[in-house]
Amino acid sequence: MMMAFFFVSDSFVNSQEWTLSRSVPELKVGIVGNLSSGKSALVHRYLTGTYVQEESPEGGRFKKEIVVDGQSYLLLIRDEGGPPEMQ
């Protein structure tokens, strides 16, 4: 099984090109929590299988194609950093 992940910017995720190019169902996951609680480390570990000790306060958006019960899905992961009023 081939796994890949990509960092995608907000403007690209919301673009018509991104929306029209998908041919698999999508699953959306939001990762929220207090500052320095390990959200970004958890996402990075899931995507790459490695641990990164550096903090990433800005969060990010990522995508990964996954297979569940023989069906392909595009997993969209949103890692939110900072207080809710700043997101």
C-alpha atoms as a PDB file:
ATOM      1  CA  MET A   1       0.000   0.000   0.000  1.00  0.00           C
ATOM      2  CA  MET A   2       1.459   3.356  -1.029  1.00  0.00           C
ATOM      3  CA  MET A   3       1.036   6.221   1.437  1.00  0.00           C
ATOM      4  CA  ALA A   4       1.733   9.852   0.720  1.00  0.00           C
ATOM      5  CA  PHE A   5       1.118  13.100   2.523  1.00  0.00           C
ATOM      6  CA  PHE A   6       1.204  16.678   1.422  1.00  0.00           C
ATOM      7  CA  PHE A   7       0.979  20.045   3.141  1.00  0.00           C
ATOM      8  CA  VAL A   8      -1.759  22.066   1.457  1.00  0.00           C
ATOM      9  CA  SER A   9      -2.337  25.758   1.908  1.00  0.00           C
ATOM     10  CA  ASP A  10      -5.762  27.210   2.725  1.00  0.00           C
ATOM     11  CA  SER A  11      -6.093  28.879  -0.680  1.00  0.00           C
ATOM     12  CA  PHE A  12      -5.332  25.627  -2.532  1.00  0.00           C
ATOM     13  CA  VAL A  13      -7.692  23.522  -0.402  1.00  0.00           C
ATOM     14  CA  ASN A  14     -10.539  25.937  -1.118  1.00  0.00           C
ATOM     15  CA  SER A  15      -9.761  26.340  -4.830  1.00  0.00           C
ATOM     16  CA  GLN A  16     -11.977  25.005  -7.594  1.00  0.00           C
ATOM     17  CA  GLU A  17      -9.003  23.066  -9.007  1.00  0.00           C
ATOM     18  CA  TRP A  18      -8.622  21.127  -5.714  1.00  0.00           C
ATOM     19  CA  THR A  19     -12.357  20.412  -5.517  1.00  0.00           C
ATOM     20  CA  LEU A  20     -12.687  19.198  -9.110  1.00  0.00           C
ATOM     21  CA  SER A  21      -9.531  17.071  -9.115  1.00  0.00           C
ATOM     22  CA  ARG A  22     -10.654  14.687  -6.363  1.00  0.00           C
ATOM     23  CA  SER A  23     -12.098  11.368  -7.454  1.00  0.00           C
ATOM     24  CA  VAL A  24     -12.279   9.587  -4.083  1.00  0.00           C
ATOM     25  CA  PRO A  25     -14.582  10.258  -1.110  1.00  0.00           C
ATOM     26  CA  GLU A  26     -13.075  12.452   1.570  1.00  0.00           C
ATOM     27  CA  LEU A  27     -12.902  12.111   5.317  1.00  0.00           C
ATOM     28  CA  LYS A  28     -12.231  15.219   7.410  1.00  0.00           C
ATOM     29  CA  VAL A  29     -10.460  15.221  10.776  1.00  0.00           C
ATOM     30  CA  GLY A  30      -9.869  18.270  12.962  1.00  0.00           C
ATOM     31  CA  ILE A  31      -7.163  18.180  15.629  1.00  0.00           C
ATOM     32  CA  VAL A  32      -7.789  20.724  18.391  1.00  0.00           C
ATOM     33  CA  GLY A  33      -6.338  21.250  21.840  1.00  0.00           C
ATOM     34  CA  ASN A  34      -4.340  23.514  24.117  1.00  0.00           C
ATOM     35  CA  LEU A  35      -1.072  25.106  23.026  1.00  0.00           C
ATOM     36  CA  SER A  36       1.909  22.745  23.273  1.00  0.00           C
ATOM     37  CA  SER A  37      -0.335  19.726  23.853  1.00  0.00           C
ATOM     38  CA  GLY A  38       1.234  17.627  21.067  1.00  0.00           C
ATOM     39  CA  LYS A  39      -1.323  18.067  18.272  1.00  0.00           C
ATOM     40  CA  SER A  40       1.223  18.691  15.517  1.00  0.00           C
ATOM     41  CA  ALA A  41       3.503  15.918  16.793  1.00  0.00           C
ATOM     42  CA  LEU A  42       0.552  13.501  16.686  1.00  0.00           C
ATOM     43  CA  VAL A  43      -0.325  14.476  13.107  1.00  0.00           C
ATOM     44  CA  HIS A  44       3.309  14.285  11.991  1.00  0.00           C
ATOM     45  CA  ARG A  45       3.684  10.854  13.606  1.00  0.00           C
ATOM     46  CA  TYR A  46       0.566   9.572  11.820  1.00  0.00           C
ATOM     47  CA  LEU A  47       1.657  10.940   8.445  1.00  0.00           C
ATOM     48  CA  THR A  48       5.339   9.972   8.518  1.00  0.00           C
ATOM     49  CA  GLY A  49       5.799   7.429  11.296  1.00  0.00           C
ATOM     50  CA  THR A  50       8.459   9.624  12.901  1.00  0.00           C
ATOM     51  CA  TYR A  51       8.482  11.904  15.933  1.00  0.00           C
ATOM     52  CA  VAL A  52       9.458  15.574  15.699  1.00  0.00           C
ATOM     53  CA  GLN A  53      10.333  17.306  18.944  1.00  0.00           C
ATOM     54  CA  GLU A  54      10.175  20.894  17.628  1.00  0.00           C
ATOM     55  CA  GLU A  55       7.001  22.861  18.362  1.00  0.00           C
ATOM     56  CA  SER A  56       4.764  23.945  15.488  1.00  0.00           C
ATOM     57  CA  PRO A  57       2.414  26.632  16.831  1.00  0.00           C
ATOM     58  CA  GLU A  58       0.920  27.491  13.439  1.00  0.00           C
ATOM     59  CA  GLY A  59      -0.805  24.154  12.797  1.00  0.00           C
ATOM     60  CA  GLY A  60      -1.580  23.280   9.180  1.00  0.00           C
ATOM     61  CA  ARG A  61      -3.663  21.337   6.707  1.00  0.00           C
ATOM     62  CA  PHE A  62      -2.588  17.989   5.349  1.00  0.00           C
ATOM     63  CA  LYS A  63      -3.971  15.272   3.116  1.00  0.00           C
ATOM     64  CA  LYS A  64      -3.292  11.570   2.882  1.00  0.00           C
ATOM     65  CA  GLU A  65      -4.846   8.907   0.721  1.00  0.00           C
ATOM     66  CA  ILE A  66      -5.893   5.940   2.845  1.00  0.00           C
ATOM     67  CA  VAL A  67      -7.611   2.612   2.182  1.00  0.00           C
ATOM     68  CA  VAL A  68     -10.320   1.328   4.532  1.00  0.00           C
ATOM     69  CA  ASP A  69     -11.971  -2.037   3.806  1.00  0.00           C
ATOM     70  CA  GLY A  70     -10.724  -1.885   0.210  1.00  0.00           C
ATOM     71  CA  GLN A  71     -12.154   1.608  -0.401  1.00  0.00           C
ATOM     72  CA  SER A  72      -9.830   4.569  -1.072  1.00  0.00           C
ATOM     73  CA  TYR A  73     -10.466   7.810   0.799  1.00  0.00           C
ATOM     74  CA  LEU A  74      -8.780  11.186   0.881  1.00  0.00           C
ATOM     75  CA  LEU A  75      -8.146  12.011   4.530  1.00  0.00           C
ATOM     76  CA  LEU A  76      -8.066  15.779   5.134  1.00  0.00           C
ATOM     77  CA  ILE A  77      -6.433  16.677   8.442  1.00  0.00           C
ATOM     78  CA  ARG A  78      -6.697  20.161   9.921  1.00  0.00           C
ATOM     79  CA  ASP A  79      -4.277  20.844  12.767  1.00  0.00           C
ATOM     80  CA  GLU A  80      -5.380  23.983  14.624  1.00  0.00           C
ATOM     81  CA  GLY A  81      -2.867  25.813  16.777  1.00  0.00           C
ATOM     82  CA  GLY A  82      -3.568  28.650  19.160  1.00  0.00           C
ATOM     83  CA  PRO A  83      -6.694  29.926  20.879  1.00  0.00           C
ATOM     84  CA  PRO A  84     -10.034  29.581  19.007  1.00  0.00           C
ATOM     85  CA  GLU A  85     -10.376  33.336  18.448  1.00  0.00           C
ATOM     86  CA  MET A  86      -7.123  33.286  16.429  1.00  0.00           C
ATOM     87  CA  GLN A  87      -8.235  30.517  14.029  1.00  0.00           C
END
